[in-house]
């Protein structure tokens, strides 16, 4: 098999690997809607409860329940606060029951529960409260290239890994472009996205103190970037030290397998004193 044929095959495998990683990212993490279902009066209802919002006002949770004999109670309080739980009746908007989550500043979180009522029976939708985080609107001209460049970084890092496996001649080339995509997508556009979303360019280590790691999203981007910086310069100076690329790939895979927004930016009202 010629190198060209191997290269095409490895690009295809890299694409599959990259796609798998991003599907995993899409299906995990604390910001994607939580799917719940319940059965009331012999009818099954399925809902998606929001866990992230860019609303400039209250977030409205809508549950499509045409049966008007079913009512609901919306229970909420700010996350990481000394607040007491607030309970309000859900109101009808057309065929749906609606509950309002009070607006919060960027990185503010609210935990909420929904209890439906029918014929003196209560149906709690989730065993644990759902946590929703407010964030600012990120314009598409920042968000799209940010995501695209990080996708390319994962794509080229996988290709660099397979080039390492076959001892190919273009290892430094793929390593260089992985580093470039991480630089612009993660370390330059990443803080811009963070500023729009949470009003701070950087909330990772060591902004909150040497023993407080802060935002995991910032930290994992920094870790991946450092790993590929080391791999690129070591490989350029010592071409035989190819194992640095293997190590950098292991690190970036570990980074991407951490669900998106885990331990992300949040306001701790118990520390803020309000």
Protein backbone atom coordinates (compact mmCIF):
# COMPACT_ATOMS: atom_id res chain seq x y z
CA UNK A 1 0.00 0.00 0.00
CA UNK A 2 1.44 3.37 -1.02
CA UNK A 3 1.79 6.26 1.40
CA UNK A 4 -0.89 8.23 -0.51
CA UNK A 5 -3.43 5.41 -0.08
CA UNK A 6 -2.51 5.05 3.60
CA UNK A 7 -2.91 8.79 4.05
CA UNK A 8 -6.41 8.83 2.55
CA UNK A 9 -7.42 5.91 4.75
CA UNK A 10 -6.00 7.57 7.86
CA UNK A 11 -7.78 10.84 7.07
CA UNK A 12 -11.04 8.87 6.91
CA UNK A 13 -10.32 7.16 10.25
CA UNK A 14 -9.40 10.54 11.75
CA UNK A 15 -12.73 11.93 10.56
CA UNK A 16 -14.61 9.05 12.18
CA UNK A 17 -12.70 9.51 15.44
CA UNK A 18 -13.28 13.26 15.46
CA UNK A 19 -16.98 12.83 14.74
CA UNK A 20 -17.32 10.25 17.52
CA UNK A 21 -15.69 12.56 20.04
CA UNK A 22 -17.95 15.48 19.16
CA UNK A 23 -21.07 13.31 19.22
CA UNK A 24 -20.03 12.28 22.72
CA UNK A 25 -19.62 15.96 23.59
CA UNK A 26 -23.06 16.67 22.17
CA UNK A 27 -24.75 13.94 24.19
CA UNK A 28 -23.06 14.66 27.53
CA UNK A 29 -22.43 17.63 29.74
CA UNK A 30 -24.54 19.66 32.13
CA UNK A 31 -25.86 22.26 29.67
CA UNK A 32 -27.81 20.16 27.20
CA UNK A 33 -31.56 19.78 27.83
CA UNK A 34 -32.50 17.03 30.24
CA UNK A 35 -34.93 14.53 28.77
CA UNK A 36 -37.66 13.36 31.14
CA UNK A 37 -40.88 11.44 30.81
CA UNK A 38 -43.84 10.58 32.97
CA UNK A 39 -47.19 8.84 32.61
CA UNK A 40 -50.36 10.52 33.80
CA UNK A 41 -53.88 9.22 33.25
CA UNK A 42 -52.59 6.47 30.90
CA UNK A 43 -50.83 9.01 28.71
CA UNK A 44 -47.04 9.22 28.41
CA UNK A 45 -45.53 12.70 28.30
CA UNK A 46 -41.98 13.47 27.22
CA UNK A 47 -40.25 16.78 27.90
CA UNK A 48 -36.91 18.50 27.48
CA UNK A 49 -35.98 20.66 30.45
CA UNK A 50 -33.52 23.49 29.67
CA UNK A 51 -30.16 23.60 31.45
CA UNK A 52 -28.63 26.57 29.64
CA UNK A 53 -30.12 29.80 28.36
CA UNK A 54 -29.13 33.06 26.68
CA UNK A 55 -32.43 34.76 27.45
CA UNK A 56 -32.20 38.41 28.43
CA UNK A 57 -35.32 37.97 30.58
CA UNK A 58 -36.84 35.04 32.42
CA UNK A 59 -36.44 31.60 30.90
CA UNK A 60 -39.86 30.03 30.29
CA UNK A 61 -40.12 26.26 30.70
CA UNK A 62 -42.94 24.97 28.52
CA UNK A 63 -44.47 21.52 28.98
CA UNK A 64 -46.94 20.51 26.28
CA UNK A 65 -49.85 18.97 28.21
CA UNK A 66 -53.20 19.41 26.43
CA UNK A 67 -55.08 17.75 29.32
CA UNK A 68 -56.43 20.71 31.31
CA UNK A 69 -57.13 18.49 34.34
CA UNK A 70 -53.37 18.39 34.91
CA UNK A 71 -51.79 21.28 36.78
CA UNK A 72 -48.24 21.96 37.89
CA UNK A 73 -46.07 23.59 40.52
CA UNK A 74 -42.74 25.19 39.70
CA UNK A 75 -40.20 25.06 42.55
CA UNK A 76 -36.89 26.91 42.35
CA UNK A 77 -34.04 28.72 44.08
CA UNK A 78 -30.66 30.10 43.10
CA UNK A 79 -27.91 27.51 42.93
CA UNK A 80 -25.21 27.80 45.58
CA UNK A 81 -27.19 30.19 47.72
CA UNK A 82 -28.87 30.33 51.10
CA UNK A 83 -32.24 31.01 49.44
CA UNK A 84 -35.37 29.21 50.53
CA UNK A 85 -37.27 27.25 47.88
CA UNK A 86 -39.93 29.26 46.08
CA UNK A 87 -43.08 27.55 44.82
CA UNK A 88 -45.37 29.03 42.17
CA UNK A 89 -48.29 27.51 40.26
CA UNK A 90 -47.58 26.89 36.58
CA UNK A 91 -49.92 28.69 34.20
CA UNK A 92 -51.38 27.66 30.87
CA UNK A 93 -50.23 29.01 27.52
CA UNK A 94 -52.34 27.27 24.90
CA UNK A 95 -51.83 23.50 25.24
CA UNK A 96 -48.82 23.91 27.54
CA UNK A 97 -48.05 24.49 31.20
CA UNK A 98 -45.44 27.18 31.74
CA UNK A 99 -43.05 28.03 34.57
CA UNK A 100 -40.73 31.04 34.73
CA UNK A 101 -37.11 30.91 35.88
CA UNK A 102 -36.03 34.33 37.20
CA UNK A 103 -33.35 35.97 35.07
CA UNK A 104 -29.79 35.79 36.40
CA UNK A 105 -26.55 37.57 35.47
CA UNK A 106 -24.07 35.68 33.27
CA UNK A 107 -22.85 32.49 35.04
CA UNK A 108 -25.76 32.67 37.47
CA UNK A 109 -27.53 29.37 38.03
CA UNK A 110 -30.99 28.37 39.23
CA UNK A 111 -32.02 24.91 40.37
CA UNK A 112 -35.61 23.92 39.77
CA UNK A 113 -38.11 21.09 40.17
CA UNK A 114 -41.47 20.54 38.52
CA UNK A 115 -44.33 18.66 40.14
CA UNK A 116 -47.43 17.85 38.10
CA UNK A 117 -50.79 17.21 39.76
CA UNK A 118 -53.74 15.08 38.66
CA UNK A 119 -56.61 13.71 40.75
CA UNK A 120 -54.80 14.48 44.03
CA UNK A 121 -51.69 12.64 42.84
CA UNK A 122 -48.29 14.28 42.45
CA UNK A 123 -45.80 13.45 39.71
CA UNK A 124 -42.28 14.81 40.23
CA UNK A 125 -40.49 14.96 36.87
CA UNK A 126 -36.93 14.51 38.14
CA UNK A 127 -35.54 12.83 41.28
CA UNK A 128 -33.00 15.65 41.62
CA UNK A 129 -33.38 19.35 40.81
CA UNK A 130 -32.41 20.49 37.32
CA UNK A 131 -29.74 23.22 37.20
CA UNK A 132 -29.90 25.87 34.51
CA UNK A 133 -27.13 28.39 33.81
CA UNK A 134 -27.62 31.82 32.31
CA UNK A 135 -25.08 33.14 29.83
CA UNK A 136 -24.71 36.07 27.51
CA UNK A 137 -25.43 35.84 23.79
CA UNK A 138 -22.32 34.84 21.81
CA UNK A 139 -22.43 36.25 18.26
CA UNK A 140 -22.10 33.75 15.44
CA UNK A 141 -19.08 35.55 13.97
CA UNK A 142 -17.13 34.47 17.07
CA UNK A 143 -18.83 31.19 17.92
CA UNK A 144 -18.73 29.56 14.47
CA UNK A 145 -14.98 29.99 13.83
CA UNK A 146 -14.27 29.05 17.46
CA UNK A 147 -16.08 25.74 17.06
CA UNK A 148 -14.73 25.11 13.55
CA UNK A 149 -11.11 25.65 14.59
CA UNK A 150 -11.47 23.34 17.58
CA UNK A 151 -12.99 20.69 15.32
CA UNK A 152 -10.02 21.06 12.99
CA UNK A 153 -7.65 20.82 15.95
CA UNK A 154 -9.18 17.49 16.92
CA UNK A 155 -9.14 16.34 13.29
CA UNK A 156 -5.47 17.17 12.74
CA UNK A 157 -4.43 15.83 16.13
CA UNK A 158 -5.97 12.46 15.22
CA UNK A 159 -4.20 12.56 11.88
CA UNK A 160 -0.91 13.38 13.63
CA UNK A 161 -1.45 10.42 15.94
CA UNK A 162 -1.94 8.03 13.03
CA UNK A 163 1.08 9.53 11.28
CA UNK A 164 3.02 8.67 14.42
CA UNK A 165 1.67 5.10 14.29
CA UNK A 166 2.88 4.53 10.71
CA UNK A 167 6.11 6.53 11.22
CA UNK A 168 5.03 8.82 8.39
CA UNK A 169 7.00 11.69 6.96
CA UNK A 170 4.49 14.49 7.70
CA UNK A 171 4.30 14.24 11.47
CA UNK A 172 5.70 17.72 12.10
CA UNK A 173 3.30 19.20 9.53
CA UNK A 174 0.19 17.77 11.23
CA UNK A 175 1.53 18.69 14.66
CA UNK A 176 2.09 22.28 13.55
CA UNK A 177 -1.45 22.70 12.25
CA UNK A 178 -2.97 21.10 15.33
CA UNK A 179 -1.11 23.71 17.38
CA UNK A 180 -2.23 26.56 15.08
CA UNK A 181 -5.88 25.55 15.28
CA UNK A 182 -5.69 25.27 19.08
CA UNK A 183 -4.00 28.66 19.28
CA UNK A 184 -6.63 30.54 17.28
CA UNK A 185 -9.67 28.47 18.18
CA UNK A 186 -8.97 27.85 21.85
CA UNK A 187 -6.54 30.42 23.18
CA UNK A 188 -7.62 33.45 21.13
CA UNK A 189 -11.28 32.99 20.22
CA UNK A 190 -11.99 30.91 23.35
CA UNK A 191 -11.54 33.86 25.74
CA UNK A 192 -13.61 36.07 23.41
CA UNK A 193 -16.46 33.55 23.57
CA UNK A 194 -16.02 33.42 27.35
CA UNK A 195 -16.23 37.21 27.56
CA UNK A 196 -19.50 37.35 25.63
CA UNK A 197 -20.98 34.42 27.55
CA UNK A 198 -19.78 35.12 31.11
CA UNK A 199 -18.29 38.63 31.03
CA UNK A 200 -14.72 37.46 31.68
CA UNK A 201 -11.95 36.59 29.24
CA UNK A 202 -10.41 33.93 31.47
CA UNK A 203 -11.84 32.18 34.51
CA UNK A 204 -9.52 29.19 34.68
CA UNK A 205 -6.34 28.61 36.67
CA UNK A 206 -4.83 30.63 38.31
CA UNK A 207 -7.27 33.55 38.16
CA UNK A 208 -9.02 32.55 41.41
CA UNK A 209 -5.89 31.57 43.31
CA UNK A 210 -3.23 28.94 42.96
CA UNK A 211 -5.32 26.30 44.77
CA UNK A 212 -8.57 27.11 42.95
CA UNK A 213 -8.67 25.72 39.41
CA UNK A 214 -11.73 27.72 38.39
CA UNK A 215 -13.40 27.04 35.03
CA UNK A 216 -12.60 23.54 33.76
CA UNK A 217 -13.29 24.55 30.14
CA UNK A 218 -10.50 27.13 30.23
CA UNK A 219 -8.16 24.75 32.02
CA UNK A 220 -8.58 21.85 29.63
CA UNK A 221 -8.03 24.14 26.63
CA UNK A 222 -4.84 25.44 28.21
CA UNK A 223 -3.63 21.91 29.00
CA UNK A 224 -4.18 20.72 25.43
CA UNK A 225 -2.45 23.80 24.02
CA UNK A 226 0.60 23.36 26.26
CA UNK A 227 0.82 19.67 25.33
CA UNK A 228 0.93 20.45 21.62
CA UNK A 229 3.38 23.34 22.08
CA UNK A 230 5.77 20.94 23.78
CA UNK A 231 5.20 18.26 21.14
CA UNK A 232 5.82 20.66 18.25
CA UNK A 233 9.03 22.22 19.57
CA UNK A 234 10.47 18.93 20.83
CA UNK A 235 9.74 17.26 17.50
CA UNK A 236 11.19 20.15 15.52
CA UNK A 237 14.40 20.10 17.56
CA UNK A 238 14.62 16.33 18.00
CA UNK A 239 12.81 14.56 15.10
CA UNK A 240 13.31 11.17 16.72
CA UNK A 241 11.31 12.13 19.82
CA UNK A 242 8.02 11.32 18.13
CA UNK A 243 6.49 10.00 21.34
CA UNK A 244 5.75 13.59 22.36
CA UNK A 245 3.01 13.61 19.71
CA UNK A 246 1.56 10.42 21.14
CA UNK A 247 1.51 12.02 24.61
CA UNK A 248 -0.09 15.22 23.29
CA UNK A 249 -2.77 13.19 21.52
CA UNK A 250 -3.57 11.24 24.69
CA UNK A 251 -3.95 14.55 26.53
CA UNK A 252 -6.21 16.15 23.92
CA UNK A 253 -8.41 13.05 23.79
CA UNK A 254 -8.70 13.11 27.58
CA UNK A 255 -9.56 16.82 27.39
CA UNK A 256 -12.26 16.34 24.75
CA UNK A 257 -13.76 13.41 26.66
CA UNK A 258 -14.45 15.69 29.62
CA UNK A 259 -18.11 16.67 29.03
CA UNK A 260 -18.50 20.22 27.78
CA UNK A 261 -19.05 22.87 30.49
CA UNK A 262 -18.39 20.52 33.41
CA UNK A 263 -17.19 22.68 36.31
CA UNK A 264 -17.81 25.74 34.16
CA UNK A 265 -18.19 29.36 35.21
CA UNK A 266 -20.76 29.91 37.95
CA UNK A 267 -21.64 32.41 40.65
CA UNK A 268 -21.35 31.21 44.23
CA UNK A 269 -23.91 33.30 46.10
CA UNK A 270 -22.84 31.80 49.43
CA UNK A 271 -19.43 33.45 48.96
CA UNK A 272 -20.76 36.62 47.36
CA UNK A 273 -22.84 37.25 50.46
CA UNK A 274 -26.20 37.64 48.72
